[in-house]
PDB file of N, CA and C in Angstrom:
ATOM      1  N   MET A   1      35.324   7.190  -5.171  1.00  0.00           N
ATOM      2  CA  MET A   1      34.038   6.699  -4.754  1.00  0.00           C
ATOM      3  C   MET A   1      34.227   5.633  -3.680  1.00  0.00           C
ATOM      4  N   SER A   2      33.390   5.655  -2.692  1.00  0.00           N
ATOM      5  CA  SER A   2      33.541   4.685  -1.606  1.00  0.00           C
ATOM      6  C   SER A   2      32.938   3.337  -1.987  1.00  0.00           C
ATOM      7  N   ASN A   3      33.321   2.321  -1.253  1.00  0.00           N
ATOM      8  CA  ASN A   3      32.823   0.972  -1.520  1.00  0.00           C
ATOM      9  C   ASN A   3      31.423   0.743  -0.974  1.00  0.00           C
ATOM     10  N   SER A   4      30.885   1.689  -0.217  1.00  0.00           N
ATOM     11  CA  SER A   4      29.555   1.511   0.357  1.00  0.00           C
ATOM     12  C   SER A   4      28.429   1.873  -0.612  1.00  0.00           C
ATOM     13  N   VAL A   5      28.776   2.334  -1.799  1.00  0.00           N
ATOM     14  CA  VAL A   5      27.770   2.682  -2.801  1.00  0.00           C
ATOM     15  C   VAL A   5      27.211   1.397  -3.401  1.00  0.00           C
ATOM     16  N   ILE A   6      25.899   1.310  -3.498  1.00  0.00           N
ATOM     17  CA  ILE A   6      25.244   0.115  -4.041  1.00  0.00           C
ATOM     18  C   ILE A   6      25.174   0.235  -5.553  1.00  0.00           C
ATOM     19  N   ASN A   7      25.561  -0.819  -6.234  1.00  0.00           N
ATOM     20  CA  ASN A   7      25.470  -0.862  -7.685  1.00  0.00           C
ATOM     21  C   ASN A   7      24.060  -1.332  -8.055  1.00  0.00           C
ATOM     22  N   TRP A   8      23.178  -0.396  -8.326  1.00  0.00           N
ATOM     23  CA  TRP A   8      21.778  -0.718  -8.599  1.00  0.00           C
ATOM     24  C   TRP A   8      21.597  -1.384  -9.957  1.00  0.00           C
ATOM     25  N   TYR A   9      22.554  -1.241 -10.862  1.00  0.00           N
ATOM     26  CA  TYR A   9      22.419  -1.820 -12.195  1.00  0.00           C
ATOM     27  C   TYR A   9      22.463  -3.346 -12.173  1.00  0.00           C
ATOM     28  N   LYS A  10      23.108  -3.923 -11.161  1.00  0.00           N
ATOM     29  CA  LYS A  10      23.161  -5.388 -11.115  1.00  0.00           C
ATOM     30  C   LYS A  10      21.785  -5.989 -10.851  1.00  0.00           C
ATOM     31  N   TYR A  11      20.860  -5.216 -10.267  1.00  0.00           N
ATOM     32  CA  TYR A  11      19.513  -5.723 -10.002  1.00  0.00           C
ATOM     33  C   TYR A  11      18.624  -5.700 -11.242  1.00  0.00           C
ATOM     34  N   ALA A  12      19.150  -5.227 -12.370  1.00  0.00           N
ATOM     35  CA  ALA A  12      18.401  -5.294 -13.625  1.00  0.00           C
ATOM     36  C   ALA A  12      18.375  -6.721 -14.159  1.00  0.00           C
ATOM     37  N   SER A  13      19.273  -7.551 -13.687  1.00  0.00           N
ATOM     38  CA  SER A  13      19.323  -8.947 -14.095  1.00  0.00           C
ATOM     39  C   SER A  13      18.351  -9.764 -13.246  1.00  0.00           C
ATOM     40  N   PRO A  14      17.458 -10.541 -13.869  1.00  0.00           N
ATOM     41  CA  PRO A  14      16.521 -11.354 -13.092  1.00  0.00           C
ATOM     42  C   PRO A  14      17.211 -12.347 -12.156  1.00  0.00           C
ATOM     43  N   ALA A  15      18.382 -12.836 -12.539  1.00  0.00           N
ATOM     44  CA  ALA A  15      19.087 -13.794 -11.683  1.00  0.00           C
ATOM     45  C   ALA A  15      19.513 -13.154 -10.363  1.00  0.00           C
ATOM     46  N   THR A  16      19.731 -11.860 -10.362  1.00  0.00           N
ATOM     47  CA  THR A  16      20.111 -11.152  -9.142  1.00  0.00           C
ATOM     48  C   THR A  16      18.891 -10.589  -8.423  1.00  0.00           C
ATOM     49  N   PHE A  17      17.892 -10.167  -9.190  1.00  0.00           N
ATOM     50  CA  PHE A  17      16.738  -9.500  -8.587  1.00  0.00           C
ATOM     51  C   PHE A  17      15.779 -10.469  -7.905  1.00  0.00           C
ATOM     52  N   TYR A  18      15.550 -11.642  -8.480  1.00  0.00           N
ATOM     53  CA  TYR A  18      14.577 -12.581  -7.922  1.00  0.00           C
ATOM     54  C   TYR A  18      14.904 -13.025  -6.499  1.00  0.00           C
ATOM     55  N   PRO A  19      16.152 -13.352  -6.180  1.00  0.00           N
ATOM     56  CA  PRO A  19      16.431 -13.691  -4.769  1.00  0.00           C
ATOM     57  C   PRO A  19      16.178 -12.522  -3.813  1.00  0.00           C
ATOM     58  N   LEU A  20      16.522 -11.314  -4.245  1.00  0.00           N
ATOM     59  CA  LEU A  20      16.254 -10.140  -3.408  1.00  0.00           C
ATOM     60  C   LEU A  20      14.756  -9.950  -3.213  1.00  0.00           C
ATOM     61  N   ALA A  21      13.994 -10.078  -4.300  1.00  0.00           N
ATOM     62  CA  ALA A  21      12.539  -9.923  -4.209  1.00  0.00           C
ATOM     63  C   ALA A  21      11.936 -11.003  -3.316  1.00  0.00           C
ATOM     64  N   GLY A  22      12.461 -12.212  -3.394  1.00  0.00           N
ATOM     65  CA  GLY A  22      11.963 -13.290  -2.548  1.00  0.00           C
ATOM     66  C   GLY A  22      12.193 -13.026  -1.066  1.00  0.00           C
ATOM     67  N   ARG A  23      13.297 -12.364  -0.738  1.00  0.00           N
ATOM     68  CA  ARG A  23      13.564 -12.035   0.662  1.00  0.00           C
ATOM     69  C   ARG A  23      12.739 -10.851   1.134  1.00  0.00           C
ATOM     70  N   LEU A  24      12.358  -9.952   0.233  1.00  0.00           N
ATOM     71  CA  LEU A  24      11.631  -8.746   0.626  1.00  0.00           C
ATOM     72  C   LEU A  24      10.115  -8.920   0.657  1.00  0.00           C
ATOM     73  N   ILE A  25       9.582  -9.906  -0.043  1.00  0.00           N
ATOM     74  CA  ILE A  25       8.125 -10.095  -0.117  1.00  0.00           C
ATOM     75  C   ILE A  25       7.482 -10.264   1.264  1.00  0.00           C
ATOM     76  N   PRO A  26       8.022 -11.084   2.169  1.00  0.00           N
ATOM     77  CA  PRO A  26       7.379 -11.188   3.494  1.00  0.00           C
ATOM     78  C   PRO A  26       7.368  -9.866   4.255  1.00  0.00           C
ATOM     79  N   TRP A  27       8.425  -9.099   4.135  1.00  0.00           N
ATOM     80  CA  TRP A  27       8.480  -7.805   4.825  1.00  0.00           C
ATOM     81  C   TRP A  27       7.454  -6.841   4.261  1.00  0.00           C
ATOM     82  N   PHE A  28       7.356  -6.771   2.932  1.00  0.00           N
ATOM     83  CA  PHE A  28       6.378  -5.879   2.309  1.00  0.00           C
ATOM     84  C   PHE A  28       4.950  -6.346   2.571  1.00  0.00           C
ATOM     85  N   SER A  29       4.729  -7.652   2.645  1.00  0.00           N
ATOM     86  CA  SER A  29       3.388  -8.165   2.951  1.00  0.00           C
ATOM     87  C   SER A  29       2.964  -7.764   4.355  1.00  0.00           C
ATOM     88  N   GLY A  30       3.860  -7.944   5.310  1.00  0.00           N
ATOM     89  CA  GLY A  30       3.544  -7.545   6.686  1.00  0.00           C
ATOM     90  C   GLY A  30       3.309  -6.055   6.810  1.00  0.00           C
ATOM     91  N   LEU A  31       4.145  -5.264   6.133  1.00  0.00           N
ATOM     92  CA  LEU A  31       3.982  -3.812   6.163  1.00  0.00           C
ATOM     93  C   LEU A  31       2.658  -3.392   5.538  1.00  0.00           C
ATOM     94  N   SER A  32       2.269  -4.036   4.432  1.00  0.00           N
ATOM     95  CA  SER A  32       1.010  -3.666   3.790  1.00  0.00           C
ATOM     96  C   SER A  32      -0.196  -4.036   4.655  1.00  0.00           C
ATOM     97  N   VAL A  33      -0.147  -5.162   5.356  1.00  0.00           N
ATOM     98  CA  VAL A  33      -1.249  -5.529   6.254  1.00  0.00           C
ATOM     99  C   VAL A  33      -1.380  -4.504   7.377  1.00  0.00           C
ATOM    100  N   LEU A  34      -0.252  -4.087   7.945  1.00  0.00           N
ATOM    101  CA  LEU A  34      -0.291  -3.071   9.000  1.00  0.00           C
ATOM    102  C   LEU A  34      -0.837  -1.744   8.489  1.00  0.00           C
ATOM    103  N   LEU A  35      -0.407  -1.326   7.301  1.00  0.00           N
ATOM    104  CA  LEU A  35      -0.872  -0.051   6.759  1.00  0.00           C
ATOM    105  C   LEU A  35      -2.349  -0.096   6.379  1.00  0.00           C
ATOM    106  N   ILE A  36      -2.820  -1.227   5.873  1.00  0.00           N
ATOM    107  CA  ILE A  36      -4.243  -1.359   5.550  1.00  0.00           C
ATOM    108  C   ILE A  36      -5.084  -1.299   6.822  1.00  0.00           C
ATOM    109  N   ALA A  37      -4.642  -1.998   7.862  1.00  0.00           N
ATOM    110  CA  ALA A  37      -5.374  -1.959   9.135  1.00  0.00           C
ATOM    111  C   ALA A  37      -5.372  -0.554   9.722  1.00  0.00           C
ATOM    112  N   TRP A  38      -4.245   0.117   9.642  1.00  0.00           N
ATOM    113  CA  TRP A  38      -4.144   1.487  10.158  1.00  0.00           C
ATOM    114  C   TRP A  38      -5.053   2.429   9.370  1.00  0.00           C
ATOM    115  N   GLY A  39      -5.069   2.299   8.036  1.00  0.00           N
ATOM    116  CA  GLY A  39      -5.926   3.139   7.210  1.00  0.00           C
ATOM    117  C   GLY A  39      -7.404   2.907   7.481  1.00  0.00           C
ATOM    118  N   LEU A  40      -7.797   1.653   7.672  1.00  0.00           N
ATOM    119  CA  LEU A  40      -9.194   1.369   8.007  1.00  0.00           C
ATOM    120  C   LEU A  40      -9.563   1.950   9.367  1.00  0.00           C
ATOM    121  N   TRP A  41      -8.669   1.849  10.329  1.00  0.00           N
ATOM    122  CA  TRP A  41      -8.926   2.413  11.658  1.00  0.00           C
ATOM    123  C   TRP A  41      -9.108   3.927  11.562  1.00  0.00           C
ATOM    124  N   ILE A  42      -8.219   4.592  10.854  1.00  0.00           N
ATOM    125  CA  ILE A  42      -8.310   6.050  10.702  1.00  0.00           C
ATOM    126  C   ILE A  42      -9.602   6.424   9.973  1.00  0.00           C
ATOM    127  N   GLY A  43      -9.900   5.714   8.877  1.00  0.00           N
ATOM    128  CA  GLY A  43     -11.069   6.058   8.075  1.00  0.00           C
ATOM    129  C   GLY A  43     -12.396   5.788   8.746  1.00  0.00           C
ATOM    130  N   LEU A  44     -12.472   4.736   9.545  1.00  0.00           N
ATOM    131  CA  LEU A  44     -13.760   4.358  10.123  1.00  0.00           C
ATOM    132  C   LEU A  44     -13.987   4.860  11.542  1.00  0.00           C
ATOM    133  N   PHE A  45     -12.924   5.090  12.302  1.00  0.00           N
ATOM    134  CA  PHE A  45     -13.112   5.440  13.706  1.00  0.00           C
ATOM    135  C   PHE A  45     -12.538   6.793  14.104  1.00  0.00           C
ATOM    136  N   VAL A  46     -11.484   7.245  13.454  1.00  0.00           N
ATOM    137  CA  VAL A  46     -10.825   8.483  13.865  1.00  0.00           C
ATOM    138  C   VAL A  46     -11.325   9.681  13.068  1.00  0.00           C
ATOM    139  N   ALA A  47     -11.670   9.468  11.802  1.00  0.00           N
ATOM    140  CA  ALA A  47     -12.109  10.574  10.951  1.00  0.00           C
ATOM    141  C   ALA A  47     -13.372  11.215  11.522  1.00  0.00           C
ATOM    142  N   PRO A  48     -13.440  12.536  11.481  1.00  0.00           N
ATOM    143  CA  PRO A  48     -14.621  13.204  12.039  1.00  0.00           C
ATOM    144  C   PRO A  48     -15.861  12.964  11.177  1.00  0.00           C
ATOM    145  N   THR A  49     -17.012  13.041  11.808  1.00  0.00           N
ATOM    146  CA  THR A  49     -18.264  12.899  11.066  1.00  0.00           C
ATOM    147  C   THR A  49     -18.615  14.225  10.409  1.00  0.00           C
ATOM    148  N   ASP A  50     -19.415  14.140   9.381  1.00  0.00           N
ATOM    149  CA  ASP A  50     -19.861  15.332   8.677  1.00  0.00           C
ATOM    150  C   ASP A  50     -21.069  15.916   9.406  1.00  0.00           C
ATOM    151  N   ALA A  51     -21.219  17.223   9.337  1.00  0.00           N
ATOM    152  CA  ALA A  51     -22.317  17.881  10.053  1.00  0.00           C
ATOM    153  C   ALA A  51     -23.681  17.504   9.473  1.00  0.00           C
ATOM    154  N   GLN A  52     -23.766  17.314   8.162  1.00  0.00           N
ATOM    155  CA  GLN A  52     -25.053  17.014   7.535  1.00  0.00           C
ATOM    156  C   GLN A  52     -25.274  15.519   7.316  1.00  0.00           C
ATOM    157  N   GLN A  53     -24.208  14.786   7.034  1.00  0.00           N
ATOM    158  CA  GLN A  53     -24.358  13.373   6.694  1.00  0.00           C
ATOM    159  C   GLN A  53     -24.084  12.436   7.860  1.00  0.00           C
ATOM    160  N   SER A  54     -23.588  12.932   8.934  1.00  0.00           N
ATOM    161  CA  SER A  54     -23.232  12.202  10.166  1.00  0.00           C
ATOM    162  C   SER A  54     -22.340  10.991   9.873  1.00  0.00           C
ATOM    163  N   GLU A  55     -22.703   9.817  10.373  1.00  0.00           N
ATOM    164  CA  GLU A  55     -21.834   8.639  10.269  1.00  0.00           C
ATOM    165  C   GLU A  55     -21.746   8.075   8.848  1.00  0.00           C
ATOM    166  N   GLY A  56     -22.741   8.332   8.024  1.00  0.00           N
ATOM    167  CA  GLY A  56     -22.730   7.817   6.657  1.00  0.00           C
ATOM    168  C   GLY A  56     -21.604   8.366   5.805  1.00  0.00           C
ATOM    169  N   TYR A  57     -21.023   9.458   6.230  1.00  0.00           N
ATOM    170  CA  TYR A  57     -19.939  10.089   5.484  1.00  0.00           C
ATOM    171  C   TYR A  57     -18.673   9.239   5.516  1.00  0.00           C
ATOM    172  N   ARG A  58     -18.473   8.477   6.554  1.00  0.00           N
ATOM    173  CA  ARG A  58     -17.230   7.717   6.709  1.00  0.00           C
ATOM    174  C   ARG A  58     -17.079   6.602   5.690  1.00  0.00           C
ATOM    175  N   ILE A  59     -18.164   6.163   5.077  1.00  0.00           N
ATOM    176  CA  ILE A  59     -18.064   5.108   4.072  1.00  0.00           C
ATOM    177  C   ILE A  59     -17.251   5.582   2.875  1.00  0.00           C
ATOM    178  N   ILE A  60     -17.161   6.896   2.685  1.00  0.00           N
ATOM    179  CA  ILE A  60     -16.371   7.443   1.583  1.00  0.00           C
ATOM    180  C   ILE A  60     -14.912   7.032   1.714  1.00  0.00           C
ATOM    181  N   PHE A  61     -14.410   6.934   2.938  1.00  0.00           N
ATOM    182  CA  PHE A  61     -13.010   6.596   3.142  1.00  0.00           C
ATOM    183  C   PHE A  61     -12.702   5.142   2.806  1.00  0.00           C
ATOM    184  N   VAL A  62     -13.703   4.313   2.672  1.00  0.00           N
ATOM    185  CA  VAL A  62     -13.514   2.927   2.254  1.00  0.00           C
ATOM    186  C   VAL A  62     -13.967   2.750   0.810  1.00  0.00           C
ATOM    187  N   HIS A  63     -15.087   3.343   0.460  1.00  0.00           N
ATOM    188  CA  HIS A  63     -15.691   3.127  -0.845  1.00  0.00           C
ATOM    189  C   HIS A  63     -14.846   3.702  -1.981  1.00  0.00           C
ATOM    190  N   VAL A  64     -14.356   4.905  -1.836  1.00  0.00           N
ATOM    191  CA  VAL A  64     -13.611   5.550  -2.923  1.00  0.00           C
ATOM    192  C   VAL A  64     -12.302   4.817  -3.227  1.00  0.00           C
ATOM    193  N   PRO A  65     -11.460   4.487  -2.236  1.00  0.00           N
ATOM    194  CA  PRO A  65     -10.260   3.711  -2.583  1.00  0.00           C
ATOM    195  C   PRO A  65     -10.587   2.335  -3.163  1.00  0.00           C
ATOM    196  N   ALA A  66     -11.649   1.702  -2.684  1.00  0.00           N
ATOM    197  CA  ALA A  66     -12.023   0.396  -3.226  1.00  0.00           C
ATOM    198  C   ALA A  66     -12.470   0.517  -4.677  1.00  0.00           C
ATOM    199  N   SER A  67     -13.174   1.584  -5.011  1.00  0.00           N
ATOM    200  CA  SER A  67     -13.603   1.763  -6.399  1.00  0.00           C
ATOM    201  C   SER A  67     -12.417   2.063  -7.309  1.00  0.00           C
ATOM    202  N   TRP A  68     -11.465   2.856  -6.837  1.00  0.00           N
ATOM    203  CA  TRP A  68     -10.255   3.115  -7.630  1.00  0.00           C
ATOM    204  C   TRP A  68      -9.480   1.821  -7.859  1.00  0.00           C
ATOM    205  N   LEU A  69      -9.352   1.012  -6.839  1.00  0.00           N
ATOM    206  CA  LEU A  69      -8.627  -0.245  -6.967  1.00  0.00           C
ATOM    207  C   LEU A  69      -9.337  -1.193  -7.928  1.00  0.00           C
ATOM    208  N   SER A  70     -10.655  -1.259  -7.870  1.00  0.00           N
ATOM    209  CA  SER A  70     -11.385  -2.136  -8.783  1.00  0.00           C
ATOM    210  C   SER A  70     -11.275  -1.652 -10.222  1.00  0.00           C
ATOM    211  N   MET A  71     -11.276  -0.336 -10.432  1.00  0.00           N
ATOM    212  CA  MET A  71     -11.082   0.196 -11.788  1.00  0.00           C
ATOM    213  C   MET A  71      -9.683  -0.127 -12.304  1.00  0.00           C
ATOM    214  N   PHE A  72      -8.680  -0.019 -11.434  1.00  0.00           N
ATOM    215  CA  PHE A  72      -7.313  -0.346 -11.827  1.00  0.00           C
ATOM    216  C   PHE A  72      -7.192  -1.818 -12.198  1.00  0.00           C
ATOM    217  N   ILE A  73      -7.783  -2.694 -11.387  1.00  0.00           N
ATOM    218  CA  ILE A  73      -7.717  -4.130 -11.666  1.00  0.00           C
ATOM    219  C   ILE A  73      -8.446  -4.455 -12.963  1.00  0.00           C
ATOM    220  N   TYR A  74      -9.564  -3.792 -13.224  1.00  0.00           N
ATOM    221  CA  TYR A  74     -10.311  -4.027 -14.455  1.00  0.00           C
ATOM    222  C   TYR A  74      -9.494  -3.601 -15.671  1.00  0.00           C
ATOM    223  N   CYS A  75      -8.814  -2.468 -15.564  1.00  0.00           N
ATOM    224  CA  CYS A  75      -8.025  -1.963 -16.696  1.00  0.00           C
ATOM    225  C   CYS A  75      -6.796  -2.818 -16.963  1.00  0.00           C
ATOM    226  N   VAL A  76      -6.237  -3.386 -15.924  1.00  0.00           N
ATOM    227  CA  VAL A  76      -5.035  -4.212 -16.115  1.00  0.00           C
ATOM    228  C   VAL A  76      -5.452  -5.549 -16.686  1.00  0.00           C
TER     229      VAL A  76
END
C-alpha cells in the first residue's frame, strides 16, 4: 500500500476532526453562498415560464425548497 492513502479512521477522534472542520468551515460557507445565489438566479430568471401560469410559476422554485427546509428544521 502506498503512503498517499489517507487514514480516514483517525478523523473519528474529535481531537483530530475539530481542527480539520475549523479549517473547512470558511470554504464550505463560501461555497454554499455561491450555490444558493446560483440556484436563486436559475430559479427566478433562467427557468422558463409556464404556458398557463406565466411568471407566477417561478415561485415554485423558491417556495418548495423553503417549505422542505422549514419542515426539516421543525422536525429536528
